[in-house]
Amino acid sequence: MNALSIAFRVLRVDRRTRTSAFLTAVGVAVATSLVLLLLGLPYAVDAREERVAWQNKAEQTLVDQRQDAPALIKISTDRFGDQEIGRLDVALTGKGRLDLPPGVTRLPGPGESLVSPALAELIDKQPASSLGERFGKVVGYIGSAGLRHDDQLFA
């Protein structure tokens, strides 16, 4: 008899051994899952933060205070009820070229705005005087590549 057939015979006969083997297998599966999660998590967080770095006040990758800056940019927070809305106001100076952030295909003109799909849905549900007028004419959407998550409210 080989070792595998002895193991199967013991597992068939003894209930305590079956329970012990099952719990050991569950423990190994949980531990393996946690190790894989811990190994992959830093890369996932870094990728997300790179994608939305243009929204962060700390990094301010688009903000340039030089005299020859291609744009003047103001990052702020707006509120509607108990919801926080991220806001990025851009004024082109005409000096040089401004690289577009991920999820944005073109910059809006004066009085226009690009909003996240979740914010567009919220604007559509509310009277224009309570929310829509804050952002001017909505001419497009910020793609998911430029948002932290699908429900982010950003203009």
N, C-alpha and C. Protein backbone atom coordinates (compact mmCIF):
# COMPACT_ATOMS: atom_id res chain seq x y z
N MET A 1 0.83 -1.19 0.00
CA MET A 1 0.00 0.00 0.00
C MET A 1 0.87 1.25 0.00
N ASN A 2 0.46 2.20 -0.81
CA ASN A 2 1.22 3.45 -0.80
C ASN A 2 0.59 4.43 0.19
N ALA A 3 1.26 5.53 0.42
CA ALA A 3 0.84 6.49 1.44
C ALA A 3 -0.50 7.14 1.10
N LEU A 4 -0.75 7.37 -0.18
CA LEU A 4 -2.00 8.01 -0.57
C LEU A 4 -3.21 7.12 -0.29
N SER A 5 -3.10 5.86 -0.57
CA SER A 5 -4.23 4.96 -0.31
C SER A 5 -4.47 4.81 1.19
N ILE A 6 -3.41 4.83 1.98
CA ILE A 6 -3.56 4.77 3.45
C ILE A 6 -4.27 6.03 3.94
N ALA A 7 -3.90 7.20 3.40
CA ALA A 7 -4.52 8.46 3.81
C ALA A 7 -6.01 8.45 3.47
N PHE A 8 -6.37 7.99 2.27
CA PHE A 8 -7.79 7.94 1.90
C PHE A 8 -8.56 6.96 2.78
N ARG A 9 -7.95 5.85 3.11
CA ARG A 9 -8.62 4.86 3.96
C ARG A 9 -8.88 5.44 5.36
N VAL A 10 -7.91 6.16 5.90
CA VAL A 10 -8.07 6.77 7.23
C VAL A 10 -9.14 7.86 7.18
N LEU A 11 -9.14 8.65 6.11
CA LEU A 11 -10.13 9.73 5.99
C LEU A 11 -11.55 9.17 5.87
N ARG A 12 -11.71 8.03 5.23
CA ARG A 12 -13.03 7.43 5.09
C ARG A 12 -13.54 6.88 6.42
N VAL A 13 -12.67 6.41 7.25
CA VAL A 13 -13.08 5.73 8.47
C VAL A 13 -13.24 6.69 9.64
N ASP A 14 -12.29 7.57 9.85
CA ASP A 14 -12.24 8.39 11.06
C ASP A 14 -12.81 9.79 10.81
N ARG A 15 -13.87 10.14 11.55
CA ARG A 15 -14.53 11.43 11.38
C ARG A 15 -13.64 12.58 11.88
N ARG A 16 -12.94 12.38 12.97
CA ARG A 16 -12.07 13.43 13.51
C ARG A 16 -10.95 13.76 12.53
N THR A 17 -10.44 12.78 11.87
CA THR A 17 -9.37 13.00 10.89
C THR A 17 -9.90 13.80 9.70
N ARG A 18 -11.12 13.47 9.27
CA ARG A 18 -11.74 14.23 8.16
C ARG A 18 -11.91 15.69 8.54
N THR A 19 -12.42 15.93 9.74
CA THR A 19 -12.62 17.31 10.21
C THR A 19 -11.30 18.04 10.29
N SER A 20 -10.31 17.39 10.83
CA SER A 20 -8.99 18.00 10.95
C SER A 20 -8.40 18.32 9.58
N ALA A 21 -8.52 17.41 8.64
CA ALA A 21 -7.99 17.63 7.29
C ALA A 21 -8.73 18.78 6.61
N PHE A 22 -10.05 18.83 6.79
CA PHE A 22 -10.84 19.91 6.20
C PHE A 22 -10.44 21.27 6.78
N LEU A 23 -10.32 21.35 8.09
CA LEU A 23 -9.94 22.61 8.72
C LEU A 23 -8.52 23.03 8.33
N THR A 24 -7.64 22.09 8.17
CA THR A 24 -6.28 22.40 7.72
C THR A 24 -6.31 22.97 6.30
N ALA A 25 -7.11 22.35 5.43
CA ALA A 25 -7.22 22.84 4.05
C ALA A 25 -7.81 24.25 4.02
N VAL A 26 -8.81 24.52 4.84
CA VAL A 26 -9.40 25.86 4.90
C VAL A 26 -8.37 26.86 5.41
N GLY A 27 -7.62 26.50 6.42
CA GLY A 27 -6.58 27.38 6.96
C GLY A 27 -5.51 27.71 5.93
N VAL A 28 -5.09 26.71 5.19
CA VAL A 28 -4.08 26.94 4.15
C VAL A 28 -4.65 27.84 3.05
N ALA A 29 -5.91 27.64 2.68
CA ALA A 29 -6.53 28.47 1.64
C ALA A 29 -6.64 29.93 2.10
N VAL A 30 -7.04 30.14 3.34
CA VAL A 30 -7.16 31.51 3.87
C VAL A 30 -5.79 32.17 3.94
N ALA A 31 -4.81 31.46 4.44
CA ALA A 31 -3.46 32.03 4.55
C ALA A 31 -2.89 32.37 3.17
N THR A 32 -3.10 31.49 2.21
CA THR A 32 -2.61 31.75 0.85
C THR A 32 -3.31 32.97 0.25
N SER A 33 -4.61 33.09 0.47
CA SER A 33 -5.35 34.25 -0.04
C SER A 33 -4.83 35.54 0.58
N LEU A 34 -4.57 35.53 1.86
CA LEU A 34 -4.05 36.74 2.53
C LEU A 34 -2.67 37.12 2.01
N VAL A 35 -1.82 36.14 1.80
CA VAL A 35 -0.48 36.42 1.27
C VAL A 35 -0.59 37.03 -0.12
N LEU A 36 -1.44 36.46 -0.97
CA LEU A 36 -1.60 36.99 -2.33
C LEU A 36 -2.18 38.41 -2.29
N LEU A 37 -3.12 38.65 -1.40
CA LEU A 37 -3.69 39.99 -1.25
C LEU A 37 -2.63 40.99 -0.81
N LEU A 38 -1.84 40.61 0.17
CA LEU A 38 -0.80 41.52 0.67
C LEU A 38 0.29 41.76 -0.37
N LEU A 39 0.55 40.79 -1.22
CA LEU A 39 1.55 40.98 -2.26
C LEU A 39 1.03 41.89 -3.38
N GLY A 40 -0.25 41.81 -3.71
CA GLY A 40 -0.80 42.58 -4.81
C GLY A 40 -1.33 43.95 -4.44
N LEU A 41 -1.66 44.15 -3.18
CA LEU A 41 -2.28 45.40 -2.74
C LEU A 41 -1.44 46.65 -3.00
N PRO A 42 -0.15 46.65 -2.70
CA PRO A 42 0.62 47.88 -2.96
C PRO A 42 0.61 48.29 -4.43
N TYR A 43 0.67 47.33 -5.33
CA TYR A 43 0.67 47.65 -6.75
C TYR A 43 -0.68 48.21 -7.18
N ALA A 44 -1.76 47.67 -6.65
CA ALA A 44 -3.09 48.18 -6.99
C ALA A 44 -3.28 49.60 -6.47
N VAL A 45 -2.84 49.86 -5.26
CA VAL A 45 -2.98 51.21 -4.68
C VAL A 45 -2.12 52.20 -5.46
N ASP A 46 -0.90 51.81 -5.80
CA ASP A 46 -0.02 52.70 -6.57
C ASP A 46 -0.62 53.03 -7.93
N ALA A 47 -1.18 52.03 -8.58
CA ALA A 47 -1.77 52.26 -9.90
C ALA A 47 -2.95 53.22 -9.81
N ARG A 48 -3.78 53.05 -8.79
CA ARG A 48 -4.92 53.95 -8.64
C ARG A 48 -4.46 55.37 -8.32
N GLU A 49 -3.49 55.51 -7.46
CA GLU A 49 -3.00 56.84 -7.10
C GLU A 49 -2.33 57.53 -8.27
N GLU A 50 -1.63 56.79 -9.11
CA GLU A 50 -1.05 57.40 -10.31
C GLU A 50 -2.14 57.90 -11.24
N ARG A 51 -3.21 57.13 -11.34
CA ARG A 51 -4.31 57.47 -12.24
C ARG A 51 -5.02 58.74 -11.80
N VAL A 52 -5.14 58.97 -10.51
CA VAL A 52 -5.89 60.13 -10.02
C VAL A 52 -4.99 61.17 -9.36
N ALA A 53 -3.70 61.12 -9.63
CA ALA A 53 -2.76 62.06 -9.01
C ALA A 53 -3.12 63.51 -9.34
N TRP A 54 -3.72 63.73 -10.47
CA TRP A 54 -4.08 65.09 -10.87
C TRP A 54 -5.14 65.69 -9.96
N GLN A 55 -5.84 64.86 -9.18
CA GLN A 55 -6.86 65.36 -8.27
C GLN A 55 -6.29 65.71 -6.89
N ASN A 56 -5.13 65.20 -6.57
CA ASN A 56 -4.59 65.34 -5.22
C ASN A 56 -4.01 66.73 -4.99
N LYS A 57 -4.40 67.33 -3.90
CA LYS A 57 -3.82 68.62 -3.53
C LYS A 57 -2.35 68.46 -3.17
N ALA A 58 -2.01 67.35 -2.57
CA ALA A 58 -0.64 67.15 -2.11
C ALA A 58 0.33 67.10 -3.28
N GLU A 59 -0.02 66.36 -4.32
CA GLU A 59 0.90 66.23 -5.44
C GLU A 59 0.78 67.40 -6.41
N GLN A 60 -0.43 67.80 -6.71
CA GLN A 60 -0.70 68.91 -7.63
C GLN A 60 0.18 68.82 -8.87
N THR A 61 0.08 67.71 -9.56
CA THR A 61 0.94 67.49 -10.72
C THR A 61 0.65 68.47 -11.85
N LEU A 62 -0.56 69.00 -11.91
CA LEU A 62 -0.88 69.95 -12.97
C LEU A 62 -0.60 71.39 -12.57
N VAL A 63 -0.52 71.64 -11.28
CA VAL A 63 -0.38 73.01 -10.81
C VAL A 63 1.06 73.47 -11.01
N ASP A 64 1.19 74.57 -11.68
CA ASP A 64 2.51 75.10 -11.96
C ASP A 64 2.44 76.61 -11.72
N GLN A 65 3.22 77.11 -10.80
CA GLN A 65 3.15 78.51 -10.42
C GLN A 65 4.13 79.40 -11.20
N ARG A 66 4.81 78.84 -12.19
CA ARG A 66 5.76 79.64 -12.96
C ARG A 66 5.03 80.69 -13.81
N GLN A 67 5.76 81.68 -14.24
CA GLN A 67 5.19 82.74 -15.08
C GLN A 67 4.74 82.20 -16.44
N ASP A 68 5.45 81.18 -16.95
CA ASP A 68 5.13 80.65 -18.27
C ASP A 68 4.26 79.38 -18.19
N ALA A 69 3.53 79.22 -17.11
CA ALA A 69 2.68 78.04 -16.93
C ALA A 69 1.58 78.02 -17.99
N PRO A 70 1.24 76.84 -18.52
CA PRO A 70 0.20 76.77 -19.54
C PRO A 70 -1.21 77.00 -19.00
N ALA A 71 -1.38 76.88 -17.68
CA ALA A 71 -2.72 77.07 -17.10
C ALA A 71 -2.61 77.46 -15.64
N LEU A 72 -3.64 78.15 -15.18
CA LEU A 72 -3.80 78.43 -13.76
C LEU A 72 -4.86 77.45 -13.26
N ILE A 73 -4.55 76.76 -12.19
CA ILE A 73 -5.43 75.69 -11.72
C ILE A 73 -5.73 75.88 -10.25
N LYS A 74 -7.00 75.72 -9.91
CA LYS A 74 -7.42 75.81 -8.52
C LYS A 74 -8.16 74.52 -8.17
N ILE A 75 -7.69 73.85 -7.14
CA ILE A 75 -8.33 72.62 -6.66
C ILE A 75 -9.11 72.98 -5.40
N SER A 76 -10.39 72.62 -5.38
CA SER A 76 -11.22 72.95 -4.22
C SER A 76 -12.25 71.86 -3.99
N THR A 77 -12.99 72.04 -2.92
CA THR A 77 -14.05 71.10 -2.56
C THR A 77 -15.36 71.87 -2.44
N ASP A 78 -16.39 71.32 -3.01
CA ASP A 78 -17.73 71.89 -2.94
C ASP A 78 -18.61 70.91 -2.17
N ARG A 79 -19.72 71.38 -1.65
CA ARG A 79 -20.63 70.50 -0.92
C ARG A 79 -22.04 70.65 -1.46
N PHE A 80 -22.74 69.53 -1.47
CA PHE A 80 -24.16 69.54 -1.79
C PHE A 80 -24.83 68.61 -0.79
N GLY A 81 -25.56 69.18 0.14
CA GLY A 81 -26.12 68.38 1.22
C GLY A 81 -24.98 67.82 2.05
N ASP A 82 -24.97 66.52 2.22
CA ASP A 82 -23.89 65.89 2.98
C ASP A 82 -22.84 65.26 2.06
N GLN A 83 -22.91 65.56 0.77
CA GLN A 83 -21.98 64.99 -0.20
C GLN A 83 -20.88 65.99 -0.56
N GLU A 84 -19.67 65.48 -0.68
CA GLU A 84 -18.52 66.30 -1.04
C GLU A 84 -18.25 66.16 -2.54
N ILE A 85 -18.05 67.29 -3.20
CA ILE A 85 -17.79 67.30 -4.64
C ILE A 85 -16.41 67.89 -4.86
N GLY A 86 -15.53 67.12 -5.48
CA GLY A 86 -14.21 67.63 -5.83
C GLY A 86 -14.33 68.54 -7.04
N ARG A 87 -13.53 69.58 -7.04
CA ARG A 87 -13.64 70.56 -8.12
C ARG A 87 -12.25 71.00 -8.55
N LEU A 88 -12.04 71.07 -9.85
CA LEU A 88 -10.77 71.53 -10.41
C LEU A 88 -11.10 72.60 -11.44
N ASP A 89 -10.76 73.84 -11.13
CA ASP A 89 -11.00 74.94 -12.06
C ASP A 89 -9.72 75.22 -12.84
N VAL A 90 -9.85 75.33 -14.16
CA VAL A 90 -8.69 75.52 -15.04
C VAL A 90 -8.90 76.77 -15.88
N ALA A 91 -7.88 77.61 -15.92
CA ALA A 91 -7.88 78.77 -16.81
C ALA A 91 -6.61 78.70 -17.66
N LEU A 92 -6.78 78.52 -18.95
CA LEU A 92 -5.63 78.43 -19.85
C LEU A 92 -5.00 79.81 -20.02
N THR A 93 -3.68 79.85 -20.00
CA THR A 93 -2.98 81.12 -20.17
C THR A 93 -2.54 81.34 -21.61
N GLY A 94 -2.58 80.28 -22.40
CA GLY A 94 -2.13 80.38 -23.79
C GLY A 94 -0.63 80.24 -23.94
N LYS A 95 0.06 79.97 -22.85
CA LYS A 95 1.52 79.81 -22.88
C LYS A 95 1.86 78.32 -22.80
N GLY A 96 2.18 77.74 -23.89
CA GLY A 96 2.57 76.34 -23.88
C GLY A 96 1.37 75.41 -23.98
N ARG A 97 1.66 74.14 -23.81
CA ARG A 97 0.66 73.09 -23.98
C ARG A 97 0.41 72.41 -22.64
N LEU A 98 -0.84 72.16 -22.34
CA LEU A 98 -1.22 71.49 -21.10
C LEU A 98 -1.58 70.05 -21.41
N ASP A 99 -0.92 69.11 -20.73
CA ASP A 99 -1.24 67.70 -20.91
C ASP A 99 -2.56 67.40 -20.21
N LEU A 100 -3.42 66.68 -20.90
CA LEU A 100 -4.72 66.34 -20.33
C LEU A 100 -4.58 65.18 -19.35
N PRO A 101 -5.32 65.23 -18.25
CA PRO A 101 -5.28 64.12 -17.30
C PRO A 101 -6.02 62.91 -17.85
N PRO A 102 -5.81 61.75 -17.26
CA PRO A 102 -6.53 60.55 -17.72
C PRO A 102 -8.04 60.74 -17.61
N GLY A 103 -8.77 60.21 -18.55
CA GLY A 103 -10.22 60.29 -18.52
C GLY A 103 -10.79 61.56 -19.11
N VAL A 104 -9.92 62.48 -19.54
CA VAL A 104 -10.37 63.75 -20.11
C VAL A 104 -9.89 63.82 -21.56
N THR A 105 -10.83 64.00 -22.49
CA THR A 105 -10.46 64.04 -23.90
C THR A 105 -10.19 65.46 -24.39
N ARG A 106 -10.83 66.45 -23.75
CA ARG A 106 -10.58 67.85 -24.09
C ARG A 106 -10.93 68.72 -22.90
N LEU A 107 -10.32 69.88 -22.83
CA LEU A 107 -10.64 70.81 -21.76
C LEU A 107 -11.88 71.62 -22.15
N PRO A 108 -12.76 71.86 -21.20
CA PRO A 108 -13.94 72.67 -21.51
C PRO A 108 -13.56 74.14 -21.65
N GLY A 109 -14.40 74.87 -22.35
CA GLY A 109 -14.18 76.30 -22.52
C GLY A 109 -14.76 77.08 -21.35
N PRO A 110 -14.69 78.40 -21.43
CA PRO A 110 -15.27 79.24 -20.37
C PRO A 110 -16.77 78.97 -20.21
N GLY A 111 -17.21 78.81 -18.98
CA GLY A 111 -18.62 78.55 -18.70
C GLY A 111 -19.05 77.12 -18.94
N GLU A 112 -18.11 76.27 -19.30
CA GLU A 112 -18.41 74.86 -19.54
C GLU A 112 -17.71 74.00 -18.48
N SER A 113 -18.15 72.76 -18.36
CA SER A 113 -17.50 71.87 -17.41
C SER A 113 -17.60 70.42 -17.86
N LEU A 114 -16.65 69.65 -17.37
CA LEU A 114 -16.68 68.20 -17.49
C LEU A 114 -16.98 67.67 -16.09
N VAL A 115 -17.86 66.71 -15.99
CA VAL A 115 -18.22 66.18 -14.68
C VAL A 115 -18.14 64.65 -14.71
N SER A 116 -18.04 64.08 -13.53
CA SER A 116 -18.07 62.63 -13.43
C SER A 116 -19.50 62.15 -13.72
N PRO A 117 -19.65 60.92 -14.19
CA PRO A 117 -21.00 60.41 -14.47
C PRO A 117 -21.91 60.46 -13.24
N ALA A 118 -21.37 60.20 -12.06
CA ALA A 118 -22.18 60.24 -10.84
C ALA A 118 -22.66 61.66 -10.56
N LEU A 119 -21.80 62.65 -10.79
CA LEU A 119 -22.21 64.04 -10.58
C LEU A 119 -23.22 64.47 -11.63
N ALA A 120 -23.05 64.01 -12.86
CA ALA A 120 -24.03 64.34 -13.91
C ALA A 120 -25.40 63.80 -13.55
N GLU A 121 -25.43 62.60 -13.01
CA GLU A 121 -26.71 62.01 -12.59
C GLU A 121 -27.33 62.82 -11.46
N LEU A 122 -26.50 63.26 -10.51
CA LEU A 122 -27.00 64.07 -9.40
C LEU A 122 -27.51 65.42 -9.90
N ILE A 123 -26.80 66.03 -10.84
CA ILE A 123 -27.23 67.32 -11.40
C ILE A 123 -28.57 67.17 -12.10
N ASP A 124 -28.75 66.07 -12.84
CA ASP A 124 -30.01 65.85 -13.55
C ASP A 124 -31.20 65.69 -12.61
N LYS A 125 -30.95 65.15 -11.42
CA LYS A 125 -32.04 64.91 -10.47
C LYS A 125 -32.44 66.16 -9.68
N GLN A 126 -31.58 67.18 -9.68
CA GLN A 126 -31.82 68.36 -8.86
C GLN A 126 -32.24 69.54 -9.73
N PRO A 127 -32.95 70.50 -9.14
CA PRO A 127 -33.25 71.73 -9.88
C PRO A 127 -31.94 72.46 -10.22
N ALA A 128 -31.91 73.11 -11.37
CA ALA A 128 -30.69 73.78 -11.82
C ALA A 128 -30.20 74.81 -10.81
N SER A 129 -31.12 75.48 -10.14
CA SER A 129 -30.73 76.52 -9.20
C SER A 129 -30.02 75.96 -7.96
N SER A 130 -30.25 74.70 -7.64
CA SER A 130 -29.63 74.16 -6.43
C SER A 130 -28.26 73.54 -6.68
N LEU A 131 -28.00 73.05 -7.90
CA LEU A 131 -26.71 72.40 -8.14
C LEU A 131 -26.15 72.67 -9.53
N GLY A 132 -26.95 72.58 -10.54
CA GLY A 132 -26.48 72.65 -11.92
C GLY A 132 -25.80 73.95 -12.29
N GLU A 133 -26.27 75.07 -11.74
CA GLU A 133 -25.69 76.37 -12.09
C GLU A 133 -24.27 76.55 -11.57
N ARG A 134 -23.89 75.76 -10.60
CA ARG A 134 -22.53 75.88 -10.04
C ARG A 134 -21.46 75.52 -11.06
N PHE A 135 -21.79 74.64 -11.99
CA PHE A 135 -20.78 74.10 -12.88
C PHE A 135 -20.93 74.56 -14.32
N GLY A 136 -21.86 75.43 -14.61
CA GLY A 136 -22.04 75.91 -15.98
C GLY A 136 -22.64 74.82 -16.85
N LYS A 137 -22.39 74.93 -18.14
CA LYS A 137 -22.94 73.96 -19.09
C LYS A 137 -22.06 72.71 -19.10
N VAL A 138 -22.66 71.58 -18.84
CA VAL A 138 -21.92 70.31 -18.86
C VAL A 138 -21.76 69.88 -20.31
N VAL A 139 -20.50 69.79 -20.76
CA VAL A 139 -20.23 69.46 -22.16
C VAL A 139 -19.59 68.08 -22.33
N GLY A 140 -19.37 67.39 -21.24
CA GLY A 140 -18.77 66.06 -21.34
C GLY A 140 -18.59 65.44 -19.97
N TYR A 141 -18.01 64.26 -20.00
CA TYR A 141 -17.83 63.49 -18.77
C TYR A 141 -16.36 63.14 -18.57
N ILE A 142 -15.98 63.03 -17.32
CA ILE A 142 -14.65 62.54 -16.97
C ILE A 142 -14.73 61.02 -17.00
N GLY A 143 -13.87 60.40 -17.76
CA GLY A 143 -13.89 58.94 -17.89
C GLY A 143 -13.43 58.25 -16.62
N SER A 144 -13.71 56.98 -16.53
CA SER A 144 -13.37 56.21 -15.33
C SER A 144 -11.87 56.16 -15.09
N ALA A 145 -11.06 56.37 -16.12
CA ALA A 145 -9.61 56.36 -15.95
C ALA A 145 -9.13 57.54 -15.10
N GLY A 146 -9.95 58.58 -14.97
CA GLY A 146 -9.55 59.74 -14.19
C GLY A 146 -10.25 59.85 -12.85
N LEU A 147 -11.01 58.83 -12.47
CA LEU A 147 -11.75 58.88 -11.22
C LEU A 147 -11.23 57.83 -10.24
N ARG A 148 -11.34 58.15 -8.96
CA ARG A 148 -10.95 57.19 -7.93
C ARG A 148 -11.87 55.97 -7.93
N HIS A 149 -13.15 56.21 -8.10
CA HIS A 149 -14.15 55.14 -8.14
C HIS A 149 -15.34 55.64 -8.94
N ASP A 150 -16.21 54.73 -9.33
CA ASP A 150 -17.32 55.09 -10.22
C ASP A 150 -18.31 56.08 -9.61
N ASP A 151 -18.42 56.11 -8.30
CA ASP A 151 -19.38 57.00 -7.65
C ASP A 151 -18.78 58.33 -7.22
N GLN A 152 -17.55 58.61 -7.62
CA GLN A 152 -16.91 59.86 -7.21
C GLN A 152 -17.61 61.05 -7.84
N LEU A 153 -17.85 62.07 -7.03
CA LEU A 153 -18.45 63.32 -7.51
C LEU A 153 -17.30 64.29 -7.78
N PHE A 154 -17.08 64.60 -9.06
CA PHE A 154 -15.96 65.46 -9.42
C PHE A 154 -16.31 66.27 -10.66
N ALA A 155 -15.88 67.53 -10.65
CA ALA A 155 -16.10 68.42 -11.80
C ALA A 155 -14.82 69.15 -12.12
